PDB file of N, CA and C in Angstrom:
ATOM      1  N   MET A   1       0.742  -1.346  -0.050  1.00  0.00           N
ATOM      2  CA  MET A   1       0.066   0.037   0.118  1.00  0.00           C
ATOM      3  C   MET A   1       0.910   1.227   0.066  1.00  0.00           C
ATOM      4  N   ALA A   2       2.055   1.383   0.594  1.00  0.00           N
ATOM      5  CA  ALA A   2       3.103   2.241   0.845  1.00  0.00           C
ATOM      6  C   ALA A   2       3.363   2.749  -0.722  1.00  0.00           C
ATOM      7  N   TRP A   3       3.894   1.728  -1.260  1.00  0.00           N
ATOM      8  CA  TRP A   3       4.451   2.054  -2.942  1.00  0.00           C
ATOM      9  C   TRP A   3       3.287   2.756  -3.510  1.00  0.00           C
ATOM     10  N   TRP A   4       1.669   2.260  -3.362  1.00  0.00           N
ATOM     11  CA  TRP A   4       1.114   2.814  -4.199  1.00  0.00           C
ATOM     12  C   TRP A   4       0.812   4.563  -3.640  1.00  0.00           C
ATOM     13  N   MET A   5       0.495   4.668  -2.391  1.00  0.00           N
ATOM     14  CA  MET A   5       0.799   6.238  -1.760  1.00  0.00           C
ATOM     15  C   MET A   5       1.863   6.879  -2.505  1.00  0.00           C
ATOM     16  N   LEU A   6       2.883   6.364  -2.454  1.00  0.00           N
ATOM     17  CA  LEU A   6       4.218   6.914  -3.035  1.00  0.00           C
ATOM     18  C   LEU A   6       3.998   7.521  -4.710  1.00  0.00           C
ATOM     19  N   ILE A   7       3.569   6.531  -5.370  1.00  0.00           N
ATOM     20  CA  ILE A   7       3.202   6.837  -6.627  1.00  0.00           C
ATOM     21  C   ILE A   7       2.261   8.112  -6.947  1.00  0.00           C
ATOM     22  N   VAL A   8       1.166   7.788  -6.278  1.00  0.00           N
ATOM     23  CA  VAL A   8      -0.184   8.783  -6.319  1.00  0.00           C
ATOM     24  C   VAL A   8       0.659  10.092  -5.627  1.00  0.00           C
ATOM     25  N   ALA A   9       1.535  10.063  -4.526  1.00  0.00           N
ATOM     26  CA  ALA A   9       2.256  11.563  -4.414  1.00  0.00           C
ATOM     27  C   ALA A   9       2.912  12.225  -5.163  1.00  0.00           C
ATOM     28  N   GLY A  10       3.597  11.279  -6.003  1.00  0.00           N
ATOM     29  CA  GLY A  10       4.210  11.759  -7.170  1.00  0.00           C
ATOM     30  C   GLY A  10       3.766  12.055  -8.065  1.00  0.00           C
ATOM     31  N   LEU A  11       2.374  11.756  -8.458  1.00  0.00           N
ATOM     32  CA  LEU A  11       1.567  12.265  -9.185  1.00  0.00           C
ATOM     33  C   LEU A  11       1.137  13.744  -9.230  1.00  0.00           C
ATOM     34  N   PHE A  12       0.606  13.606  -7.863  1.00  0.00           N
ATOM     35  CA  PHE A  12       0.299  14.929  -7.261  1.00  0.00           C
ATOM     36  C   PHE A  12       1.556  15.925  -7.190  1.00  0.00           C
ATOM     37  N   GLU A  13       2.713  15.667  -7.039  1.00  0.00           N
ATOM     38  CA  GLU A  13       3.731  16.390  -7.386  1.00  0.00           C
ATOM     39  C   GLU A  13       3.933  16.951  -8.807  1.00  0.00           C
ATOM     40  N   ALA A  14       3.650  16.240  -9.613  1.00  0.00           N
ATOM     41  CA  ALA A  14       3.635  16.670 -10.844  1.00  0.00           C
ATOM     42  C   ALA A  14       2.576  17.599 -11.279  1.00  0.00           C
ATOM     43  N   GLY A  15       1.425  17.019 -10.774  1.00  0.00           N
ATOM     44  CA  GLY A  15       0.543  18.151 -10.778  1.00  0.00           C
ATOM     45  C   GLY A  15       0.408  19.343 -10.366  1.00  0.00           C
ATOM     46  N   TRP A  16       1.253  19.482  -9.078  1.00  0.00           N
ATOM     47  CA  TRP A  16       1.164  20.698  -8.150  1.00  0.00           C
ATOM     48  C   TRP A  16       2.270  21.615  -9.183  1.00  0.00           C
ATOM     49  N   ALA A  17       3.354  20.905  -9.621  1.00  0.00           N
ATOM     50  CA  ALA A  17       4.457  21.562 -10.278  1.00  0.00           C
ATOM     51  C   ALA A  17       3.942  22.394 -11.573  1.00  0.00           C
ATOM     52  N   VAL A  18       2.998  21.645 -12.196  1.00  0.00           N
ATOM     53  CA  VAL A  18       2.375  22.253 -13.489  1.00  0.00           C
ATOM     54  C   VAL A  18       1.546  23.273 -13.164  1.00  0.00           C
ATOM     55  N   GLY A  19       0.723  22.879 -11.776  1.00  0.00           N
ATOM     56  CA  GLY A  19      -0.372  23.922 -11.463  1.00  0.00           C
ATOM     57  C   GLY A  19       0.479  25.460 -11.081  1.00  0.00           C
ATOM     58  N   LEU A  20       1.835  25.064 -10.889  1.00  0.00           N
ATOM     59  CA  LEU A  20       2.470  26.618 -10.372  1.00  0.00           C
ATOM     60  C   LEU A  20       2.537  27.581 -11.643  1.00  0.00           C
ATOM     61  N   LYS A  21       2.521  26.629 -13.176  1.00  0.00           N
ATOM     62  CA  LYS A  21       2.044  27.723 -14.281  1.00  0.00           C
ATOM     63  C   LYS A  21       0.700  28.256 -14.157  1.00  0.00           C
ATOM     64  N   TYR A  22       0.127  27.825 -13.831  1.00  0.00           N
ATOM     65  CA  TYR A  22      -1.365  28.302 -14.077  1.00  0.00           C
ATOM     66  C   TYR A  22      -1.789  29.315 -13.046  1.00  0.00           C
ATOM     67  N   THR A  23      -0.994  29.288 -11.823  1.00  0.00           N
ATOM     68  CA  THR A  23      -1.416  30.453 -10.754  1.00  0.00           C
ATOM     69  C   THR A  23      -0.906  31.748 -11.020  1.00  0.00           C
ATOM     70  N   HIS A  24       0.107  31.578 -12.033  1.00  0.00           N
ATOM     71  CA  HIS A  24       1.061  32.954 -12.673  1.00  0.00           C
ATOM     72  C   HIS A  24       1.321  33.381 -11.051  1.00  0.00           C
ATOM     73  N   GLY A  25       2.187  33.367 -10.771  1.00  0.00           N
ATOM     74  CA  GLY A  25       2.683  33.821  -9.449  1.00  0.00           C
ATOM     75  C   GLY A  25       1.455  33.643  -8.113  1.00  0.00           C
ATOM     76  N   PHE A  26       0.424  33.133  -8.062  1.00  0.00           N
ATOM     77  CA  PHE A  26      -0.447  33.083  -7.224  1.00  0.00           C
ATOM     78  C   PHE A  26      -1.290  34.164  -7.270  1.00  0.00           C
ATOM     79  N   THR A  27      -1.434  34.517  -8.344  1.00  0.00           N
ATOM     80  CA  THR A  27      -2.526  35.648  -8.768  1.00  0.00           C
ATOM     81  C   THR A  27      -3.783  35.531  -8.974  1.00  0.00           C
ATOM     82  N   ARG A  28      -4.080  34.058  -9.574  1.00  0.00           N
ATOM     83  CA  ARG A  28      -5.034  33.487  -9.805  1.00  0.00           C
ATOM     84  C   ARG A  28      -6.031  32.653  -8.584  1.00  0.00           C
ATOM     85  N   PRO A  29      -6.829  33.030  -7.696  1.00  0.00           N
ATOM     86  CA  PRO A  29      -7.115  32.238  -6.723  1.00  0.00           C
ATOM     87  C   PRO A  29      -7.460  30.910  -7.034  1.00  0.00           C
ATOM     88  N   VAL A  30      -8.188  30.494  -8.056  1.00  0.00           N
ATOM     89  CA  VAL A  30      -8.711  29.070  -8.137  1.00  0.00           C
ATOM     90  C   VAL A  30      -7.706  27.891  -8.485  1.00  0.00           C
ATOM     91  N   ALA A  31      -6.552  28.590  -9.327  1.00  0.00           N
ATOM     92  CA  ALA A  31      -5.497  27.504  -9.715  1.00  0.00           C
ATOM     93  C   ALA A  31      -4.378  27.777  -8.599  1.00  0.00           C
ATOM     94  N   SER A  32      -4.513  28.629  -7.805  1.00  0.00           N
ATOM     95  CA  SER A  32      -3.765  28.878  -6.771  1.00  0.00           C
ATOM     96  C   SER A  32      -4.265  27.996  -5.699  1.00  0.00           C
ATOM     97  N   ALA A  33      -5.577  27.795  -5.219  1.00  0.00           N
ATOM     98  CA  ALA A  33      -6.438  26.901  -4.274  1.00  0.00           C
ATOM     99  C   ALA A  33      -5.913  25.234  -4.628  1.00  0.00           C
ATOM    100  N   LEU A  34      -6.243  24.968  -6.051  1.00  0.00           N
ATOM    101  CA  LEU A  34      -5.798  23.642  -6.250  1.00  0.00           C
ATOM    102  C   LEU A  34      -4.471  23.265  -6.195  1.00  0.00           C
ATOM    103  N   THR A  35      -3.805  24.189  -6.567  1.00  0.00           N
ATOM    104  CA  THR A  35      -2.176  23.875  -6.512  1.00  0.00           C
ATOM    105  C   THR A  35      -1.503  23.535  -4.944  1.00  0.00           C
ATOM    106  N   ILE A  36      -2.185  24.557  -4.064  1.00  0.00           N
ATOM    107  CA  ILE A  36      -1.866  24.503  -2.659  1.00  0.00           C
ATOM    108  C   ILE A  36      -2.510  23.218  -2.245  1.00  0.00           C
ATOM    109  N   ALA A  37      -3.312  22.419  -2.682  1.00  0.00           N
ATOM    110  CA  ALA A  37      -4.433  21.511  -2.350  1.00  0.00           C
ATOM    111  C   ALA A  37      -3.193  20.186  -2.892  1.00  0.00           C
ATOM    112  N   ALA A  38      -3.000  20.300  -4.025  1.00  0.00           N
ATOM    113  CA  ALA A  38      -2.031  18.946  -4.466  1.00  0.00           C
ATOM    114  C   ALA A  38      -0.843  19.154  -3.835  1.00  0.00           C
ATOM    115  N   ILE A  39      -0.370  20.167  -3.262  1.00  0.00           N
ATOM    116  CA  ILE A  39       0.966  20.321  -2.538  1.00  0.00           C
ATOM    117  C   ILE A  39       0.893  19.585  -1.332  1.00  0.00           C
ATOM    118  N   VAL A  40      -0.177  20.173  -0.440  1.00  0.00           N
ATOM    119  CA  VAL A  40      -0.592  19.275   0.579  1.00  0.00           C
ATOM    120  C   VAL A  40      -0.984  17.795   0.508  1.00  0.00           C
ATOM    121  N   VAL A  41      -1.524  17.364  -0.300  1.00  0.00           N
ATOM    122  CA  VAL A  41      -1.933  16.055  -0.774  1.00  0.00           C
ATOM    123  C   VAL A  41      -0.469  15.246  -0.860  1.00  0.00           C
ATOM    124  N   SER A  42      -0.053  15.573  -1.866  1.00  0.00           N
ATOM    125  CA  SER A  42       1.366  15.108  -2.068  1.00  0.00           C
ATOM    126  C   SER A  42       2.002  14.985  -1.063  1.00  0.00           C
ATOM    127  N   MET A  43       2.561  15.977  -0.071  1.00  0.00           N
ATOM    128  CA  MET A  43       3.330  15.931   1.174  1.00  0.00           C
ATOM    129  C   MET A  43       2.980  14.819   2.021  1.00  0.00           C
ATOM    130  N   TRP A  44       1.553  14.815   2.474  1.00  0.00           N
ATOM    131  CA  TRP A  44       0.835  13.847   3.235  1.00  0.00           C
ATOM    132  C   TRP A  44       1.004  12.535   2.646  1.00  0.00           C
ATOM    133  N   LEU A  45       1.026  12.260   1.388  1.00  0.00           N
ATOM    134  CA  LEU A  45       0.984  11.121   1.040  1.00  0.00           C
ATOM    135  C   LEU A  45       2.553  10.281   1.019  1.00  0.00           C
ATOM    136  N   LEU A  46       3.395  11.467   0.705  1.00  0.00           N
ATOM    137  CA  LEU A  46       4.681  10.891   0.914  1.00  0.00           C
ATOM    138  C   LEU A  46       5.361  10.711   2.502  1.00  0.00           C
ATOM    139  N   ALA A  47       4.646  11.795   3.169  1.00  0.00           N
ATOM    140  CA  ALA A  47       4.948  11.426   4.742  1.00  0.00           C
ATOM    141  C   ALA A  47       4.151  10.066   5.288  1.00  0.00           C
ATOM    142  N   SER A  48       3.310   9.858   4.801  1.00  0.00           N
ATOM    143  CA  SER A  48       2.685   8.577   4.897  1.00  0.00           C
ATOM    144  C   SER A  48       3.415   7.221   4.636  1.00  0.00           C
ATOM    145  N   ALA A  49       3.790   7.376   3.158  1.00  0.00           N
ATOM    146  CA  ALA A  49       4.604   6.163   2.860  1.00  0.00           C
ATOM    147  C   ALA A  49       6.021   5.842   3.344  1.00  0.00           C
ATOM    148  N   THR A  50       6.433   7.166   4.152  1.00  0.00           N
ATOM    149  CA  THR A  50       7.750   6.935   4.325  1.00  0.00           C
ATOM    150  C   THR A  50       7.667   6.231   6.000  1.00  0.00           C
ATOM    151  N   ARG A  51       6.344   6.011   6.635  1.00  0.00           N
ATOM    152  CA  ARG A  51       6.511   5.114   7.527  1.00  0.00           C
ATOM    153  C   ARG A  51       6.915   3.604   7.455  1.00  0.00           C
ATOM    154  N   THR A  52       6.798   3.471   5.956  1.00  0.00           N
ATOM    155  CA  THR A  52       7.309   2.006   5.398  1.00  0.00           C
ATOM    156  C   THR A  52       8.431   1.999   4.882  1.00  0.00           C
ATOM    157  N   ILE A  53       8.579   2.704   3.790  1.00  0.00           N
ATOM    158  CA  ILE A  53       9.668   3.029   2.620  1.00  0.00           C
ATOM    159  C   ILE A  53      10.867   3.968   3.542  1.00  0.00           C
ATOM    160  N   PRO A  54      12.222   3.320   3.124  1.00  0.00           N
ATOM    161  CA  PRO A  54      13.272   4.192   3.717  1.00  0.00           C
ATOM    162  C   PRO A  54      13.185   5.826   2.775  1.00  0.00           C
ATOM    163  N   ILE A  55      13.115   6.553   3.693  1.00  0.00           N
ATOM    164  CA  ILE A  55      13.180   8.130   3.197  1.00  0.00           C
ATOM    165  C   ILE A  55      13.987   8.471   2.130  1.00  0.00           C
ATOM    166  N   GLY A  56      15.215   7.869   2.018  1.00  0.00           N
ATOM    167  CA  GLY A  56      16.168   8.013   0.770  1.00  0.00           C
ATOM    168  C   GLY A  56      15.416   7.390  -0.631  1.00  0.00           C
ATOM    169  N   THR A  57      14.934   6.223  -0.084  1.00  0.00           N
ATOM    170  CA  THR A  57      14.130   5.577  -1.160  1.00  0.00           C
ATOM    171  C   THR A  57      12.789   6.230  -1.813  1.00  0.00           C
ATOM    172  N   ALA A  58      11.972   7.031  -0.662  1.00  0.00           N
ATOM    173  CA  ALA A  58      10.726   7.555  -1.100  1.00  0.00           C
ATOM    174  C   ALA A  58      11.099   8.637  -1.616  1.00  0.00           C
ATOM    175  N   TYR A  59      11.705   9.616  -1.006  1.00  0.00           N
ATOM    176  CA  TYR A  59      12.064  11.046  -1.596  1.00  0.00           C
ATOM    177  C   TYR A  59      12.457  10.661  -3.163  1.00  0.00           C
ATOM    178  N   ALA A  60      13.557   9.591  -3.427  1.00  0.00           N
ATOM    179  CA  ALA A  60      13.989   9.898  -4.941  1.00  0.00           C
ATOM    180  C   ALA A  60      12.836   9.176  -5.607  1.00  0.00           C
ATOM    181  N   VAL A  61      12.109   8.286  -5.241  1.00  0.00           N
ATOM    182  CA  VAL A  61      11.031   7.920  -6.200  1.00  0.00           C
ATOM    183  C   VAL A  61      10.229   9.095  -6.357  1.00  0.00           C
ATOM    184  N   TRP A  62       9.578   9.542  -5.454  1.00  0.00           N
ATOM    185  CA  TRP A  62       8.831  10.890  -5.399  1.00  0.00           C
ATOM    186  C   TRP A  62       9.119  11.750  -6.421  1.00  0.00           C
ATOM    187  N   VAL A  63      10.258  11.945  -6.252  1.00  0.00           N
ATOM    188  CA  VAL A  63      11.095  13.084  -6.995  1.00  0.00           C
ATOM    189  C   VAL A  63      11.048  12.764  -8.569  1.00  0.00           C
ATOM    190  N   GLY A  64      11.282  11.593  -8.666  1.00  0.00           N
ATOM    191  CA  GLY A  64      11.525  10.913  -9.952  1.00  0.00           C
ATOM    192  C   GLY A  64      10.178  11.088 -10.831  1.00  0.00           C
ATOM    193  N   VAL A  65       9.223  10.329 -10.137  1.00  0.00           N
ATOM    194  CA  VAL A  65       7.954  10.498 -10.552  1.00  0.00           C
ATOM    195  C   VAL A  65       7.137  11.904 -10.990  1.00  0.00           C
ATOM    196  N   GLY A  66       7.449  12.606  -9.885  1.00  0.00           N
ATOM    197  CA  GLY A  66       7.306  13.948 -10.261  1.00  0.00           C
ATOM    198  C   GLY A  66       7.416  14.459 -11.409  1.00  0.00           C
ATOM    199  N   ALA A  67       9.339  14.522 -11.817  1.00  0.00           N
ATOM    200  CA  ALA A  67       9.661  14.922 -12.764  1.00  0.00           C
ATOM    201  C   ALA A  67       9.336  14.044 -14.284  1.00  0.00           C
ATOM    202  N   VAL A  68       9.458  13.088 -13.845  1.00  0.00           N
ATOM    203  CA  VAL A  68       8.828  12.247 -15.431  1.00  0.00           C
ATOM    204  C   VAL A  68       7.485  13.079 -15.549  1.00  0.00           C
ATOM    205  N   GLY A  69       6.363  12.866 -14.765  1.00  0.00           N
ATOM    206  CA  GLY A  69       4.970  13.415 -14.814  1.00  0.00           C
ATOM    207  C   GLY A  69       5.196  14.847 -15.381  1.00  0.00           C
ATOM    208  N   ALA A  70       5.801  15.860 -14.425  1.00  0.00           N
ATOM    209  CA  ALA A  70       5.933  17.233 -15.077  1.00  0.00           C
ATOM    210  C   ALA A  70       6.235  17.205 -16.349  1.00  0.00           C
ATOM    211  N   ALA A  71       7.328  16.764 -16.910  1.00  0.00           N
ATOM    212  CA  ALA A  71       8.013  16.744 -18.048  1.00  0.00           C
ATOM    213  C   ALA A  71       6.928  16.091 -19.056  1.00  0.00           C
ATOM    214  N   LEU A  72       6.695  15.141 -18.899  1.00  0.00           N
ATOM    215  CA  LEU A  72       5.319  14.518 -20.031  1.00  0.00           C
ATOM    216  C   LEU A  72       4.328  15.893 -19.977  1.00  0.00           C
ATOM    217  N   LEU A  73       3.680  16.228 -18.879  1.00  0.00           N
ATOM    218  CA  LEU A  73       2.757  16.934 -18.755  1.00  0.00           C
ATOM    219  C   LEU A  73       2.964  18.274 -19.612  1.00  0.00           C
ATOM    220  N   GLY A  74       4.267  18.772 -19.399  1.00  0.00           N
ATOM    221  CA  GLY A  74       4.510  19.968 -19.960  1.00  0.00           C
ATOM    222  C   GLY A  74       4.831  19.663 -21.726  1.00  0.00           C
ATOM    223  N   VAL A  75       5.148  18.842 -22.039  1.00  0.00           N
ATOM    224  CA  VAL A  75       5.019  18.431 -23.243  1.00  0.00           C
ATOM    225  C   VAL A  75       3.606  18.283 -23.950  1.00  0.00           C
ATOM    226  N   VAL A  76       2.769  17.852 -23.295  1.00  0.00           N
ATOM    227  CA  VAL A  76       1.184  17.805 -23.694  1.00  0.00           C
ATOM    228  C   VAL A  76       0.735  19.268 -23.480  1.00  0.00           C
ATOM    229  N   LEU A  77       0.835  19.592 -22.332  1.00  0.00           N
ATOM    230  CA  LEU A  77      -0.117  20.901 -22.017  1.00  0.00           C
ATOM    231  C   LEU A  77       0.305  22.195 -22.512  1.00  0.00           C
ATOM    232  N   PHE A  78       1.955  22.085 -22.610  1.00  0.00           N
ATOM    233  CA  PHE A  78       2.797  23.497 -23.311  1.00  0.00           C
ATOM    234  C   PHE A  78       3.392  23.439 -24.414  1.00  0.00           C
ATOM    235  N   ARG A  79       3.018  22.475 -24.876  1.00  0.00           N
ATOM    236  CA  ARG A  79       3.883  21.946 -26.498  1.00  0.00           C
ATOM    237  C   ARG A  79       5.438  22.054 -26.075  1.00  0.00           C
ATOM    238  N   GLU A  80       6.165  21.849 -25.200  1.00  0.00           N
ATOM    239  CA  GLU A  80       7.249  21.525 -24.835  1.00  0.00           C
ATOM    240  C   GLU A  80       7.931  20.583 -25.644  1.00  0.00           C
ATOM    241  N   PRO A  81       9.132  20.899 -26.168  1.00  0.00           N
ATOM    242  CA  PRO A  81       9.511  20.032 -27.415  1.00  0.00           C
ATOM    243  C   PRO A  81       9.950  18.467 -26.729  1.00  0.00           C
ATOM    244  N   LEU A  82       9.702  17.250 -27.203  1.00  0.00           N
ATOM    245  CA  LEU A  82      10.390  15.753 -26.690  1.00  0.00           C
ATOM    246  C   LEU A  82      11.063  15.177 -27.512  1.00  0.00           C
ATOM    247  N   THR A  83      12.210  15.691 -27.430  1.00  0.00           N
ATOM    248  CA  THR A  83      13.394  15.251 -28.353  1.00  0.00           C
ATOM    249  C   THR A  83      13.612  13.676 -28.032  1.00  0.00           C
ATOM    250  N   LEU A  84      14.438  13.286 -29.052  1.00  0.00           N
ATOM    251  CA  LEU A  84      14.899  11.686 -28.517  1.00  0.00           C
ATOM    252  C   LEU A  84      15.917  11.560 -27.652  1.00  0.00           C
ATOM    253  N   ALA A  85      16.483  12.554 -27.214  1.00  0.00           N
ATOM    254  CA  ALA A  85      17.395  12.625 -26.406  1.00  0.00           C
ATOM    255  C   ALA A  85      16.594  12.885 -24.894  1.00  0.00           C
ATOM    256  N   ARG A  86      15.921  13.742 -24.824  1.00  0.00           N
ATOM    257  CA  ARG A  86      15.031  13.778 -23.870  1.00  0.00           C
ATOM    258  C   ARG A  86      13.984  12.717 -23.231  1.00  0.00           C
ATOM    259  N   ALA A  87      13.456  12.207 -24.432  1.00  0.00           N
ATOM    260  CA  ALA A  87      12.478  10.851 -23.967  1.00  0.00           C
ATOM    261  C   ALA A  87      13.470   9.872 -23.768  1.00  0.00           C
ATOM    262  N   GLY A  88      14.553   9.711 -23.948  1.00  0.00           N
ATOM    263  CA  GLY A  88      15.715   8.666 -23.320  1.00  0.00           C
ATOM    264  C   GLY A  88      16.275   9.020 -22.113  1.00  0.00           C
ATOM    265  N   PHE A  89      16.420  10.405 -21.612  1.00  0.00           N
ATOM    266  CA  PHE A  89      16.488  10.565 -20.334  1.00  0.00           C
ATOM    267  C   PHE A  89      15.364  10.432 -19.398  1.00  0.00           C
ATOM    268  N   LEU A  90      14.244  10.760 -19.900  1.00  0.00           N
ATOM    269  CA  LEU A  90      12.951  10.316 -19.196  1.00  0.00           C
ATOM    270  C   LEU A  90      12.810   8.918 -18.598  1.00  0.00           C
ATOM    271  N   ALA A  91      13.171   8.103 -20.128  1.00  0.00           N
ATOM    272  CA  ALA A  91      13.218   6.504 -19.783  1.00  0.00           C
ATOM    273  C   ALA A  91      14.302   5.982 -18.953  1.00  0.00           C
ATOM    274  N   LEU A  92      15.471   6.981 -18.572  1.00  0.00           N
ATOM    275  CA  LEU A  92      16.225   6.325 -17.680  1.00  0.00           C
ATOM    276  C   LEU A  92      15.891   6.747 -16.334  1.00  0.00           C
ATOM    277  N   LEU A  93      14.891   7.827 -15.927  1.00  0.00           N
ATOM    278  CA  LEU A  93      14.585   8.089 -14.959  1.00  0.00           C
ATOM    279  C   LEU A  93      13.012   6.968 -14.309  1.00  0.00           C
ATOM    280  N   VAL A  94      12.834   6.860 -15.175  1.00  0.00           N
ATOM    281  CA  VAL A  94      11.815   5.427 -15.029  1.00  0.00           C
ATOM    282  C   VAL A  94      12.504   4.477 -14.641  1.00  0.00           C
ATOM    283  N   VAL A  95      13.543   3.900 -15.237  1.00  0.00           N
ATOM    284  CA  VAL A  95      14.447   3.006 -14.905  1.00  0.00           C
ATOM    285  C   VAL A  95      14.871   2.621 -13.497  1.00  0.00           C
ATOM    286  N   ALA A  96      15.469   4.234 -13.377  1.00  0.00           N
ATOM    287  CA  ALA A  96      15.811   4.087 -12.035  1.00  0.00           C
ATOM    288  C   ALA A  96      14.754   4.421 -11.008  1.00  0.00           C
ATOM    289  N   ILE A  97      13.840   4.801 -11.057  1.00  0.00           N
ATOM    290  CA  ILE A  97      12.599   4.608 -10.392  1.00  0.00           C
ATOM    291  C   ILE A  97      12.165   2.940  -9.914  1.00  0.00           C
ATOM    292  N   ALA A  98      12.256   2.295 -10.764  1.00  0.00           N
ATOM    293  CA  ALA A  98      11.926   0.915 -11.012  1.00  0.00           C
ATOM    294  C   ALA A  98      12.909   0.311 -10.208  1.00  0.00           C
ATOM    295  N   GLY A  99      14.484   0.752 -10.507  1.00  0.00           N
ATOM    296  CA  GLY A  99      15.565  -0.019  -9.821  1.00  0.00           C
ATOM    297  C   GLY A  99      15.425   0.359  -8.187  1.00  0.00           C
ATOM    298  N   LEU A 100      15.185   1.582  -7.856  1.00  0.00           N
ATOM    299  CA  LEU A 100      14.794   2.079  -6.331  1.00  0.00           C
ATOM    300  C   LEU A 100      14.018   0.711  -5.761  1.00  0.00           C
ATOM    301  N   LYS A 101      12.784   0.511  -6.475  1.00  0.00           N
ATOM    302  CA  LYS A 101      11.674  -0.013  -5.901  1.00  0.00           C
ATOM    303  C   LYS A 101      11.936  -1.475  -5.786  1.00  0.00           C
ATOM    304  N   LEU A 102      12.772  -2.143  -6.776  1.00  0.00           N
ATOM    305  CA  LEU A 102      13.335  -3.383  -6.759  1.00  0.00           C
ATOM    306  C   LEU A 102      14.376  -3.680  -5.822  1.00  0.00           C
ATOM    307  N   THR A 103      15.089  -2.508  -5.106  1.00  0.00           N
ATOM    308  CA  THR A 103      15.977  -2.728  -4.214  1.00  0.00           C
ATOM    309  C   THR A 103      15.772  -2.258  -2.854  1.00  0.00           C
ATOM    310  N   ALA A 104      14.643  -1.686  -2.594  1.00  0.00           N
ATOM    311  CA  ALA A 104      14.194  -1.185  -1.331  1.00  0.00           C
ATOM    312  C   ALA A 104      14.506  -2.065  -0.260  1.00  0.00           C
ATOM    313  N   THR A 105      15.047  -1.502   0.756  1.00  0.00           N
ATOM    314  CA  THR A 105      15.629  -2.550   1.962  1.00  0.00           C
ATOM    315  C   THR A 105      14.215  -2.218   3.147  1.00  0.00           C
ATOM    316  N   GLY A 106      13.220  -1.577   2.811  1.00  0.00           N
ATOM    317  CA  GLY A 106      12.274  -1.113   3.887  1.00  0.00           C
ATOM    318  C   GLY A 106      11.138  -2.667   3.797  1.00  0.00           C
ATOM    319  N   ARG A 107      10.094  -2.541   4.737  1.00  0.00           N
ATOM    320  CA  ARG A 107       8.996  -3.588   4.583  1.00  0.00           C
ATOM    321  C   ARG A 107       8.473  -3.381   3.647  1.00  0.00           C
ATOM    322  N   PRO A 108       7.994  -4.574   2.818  1.00  0.00           N
ATOM    323  CA  PRO A 108       7.424  -4.579   1.790  1.00  0.00           C
ATOM    324  C   PRO A 108       6.088  -3.866   1.698  1.00  0.00           C
TER     325      PRO A 108
END
């Protein structure tokens, strides 16, 4: 269950990272409220997952999932370029996240 919480926390991290763009410096109330809510949910889920998963692993996976998600959302929502090199490095992040999961030393 902790791993699922961690993955969802990473997805919320990607959501709030992208949400920052929509807040326009926190001058738009609805976008700002949604972004702040996503930050709170993301942090709460990360903190909950660290009860079982070692902090170093949990934080790295959280950041990795968030980074991959934010990069892909940037491509879809903001037409950021997705070059072959960029796609390759995102794939490396996914492999690193999977490796961290497979080698975690905390309780399953």
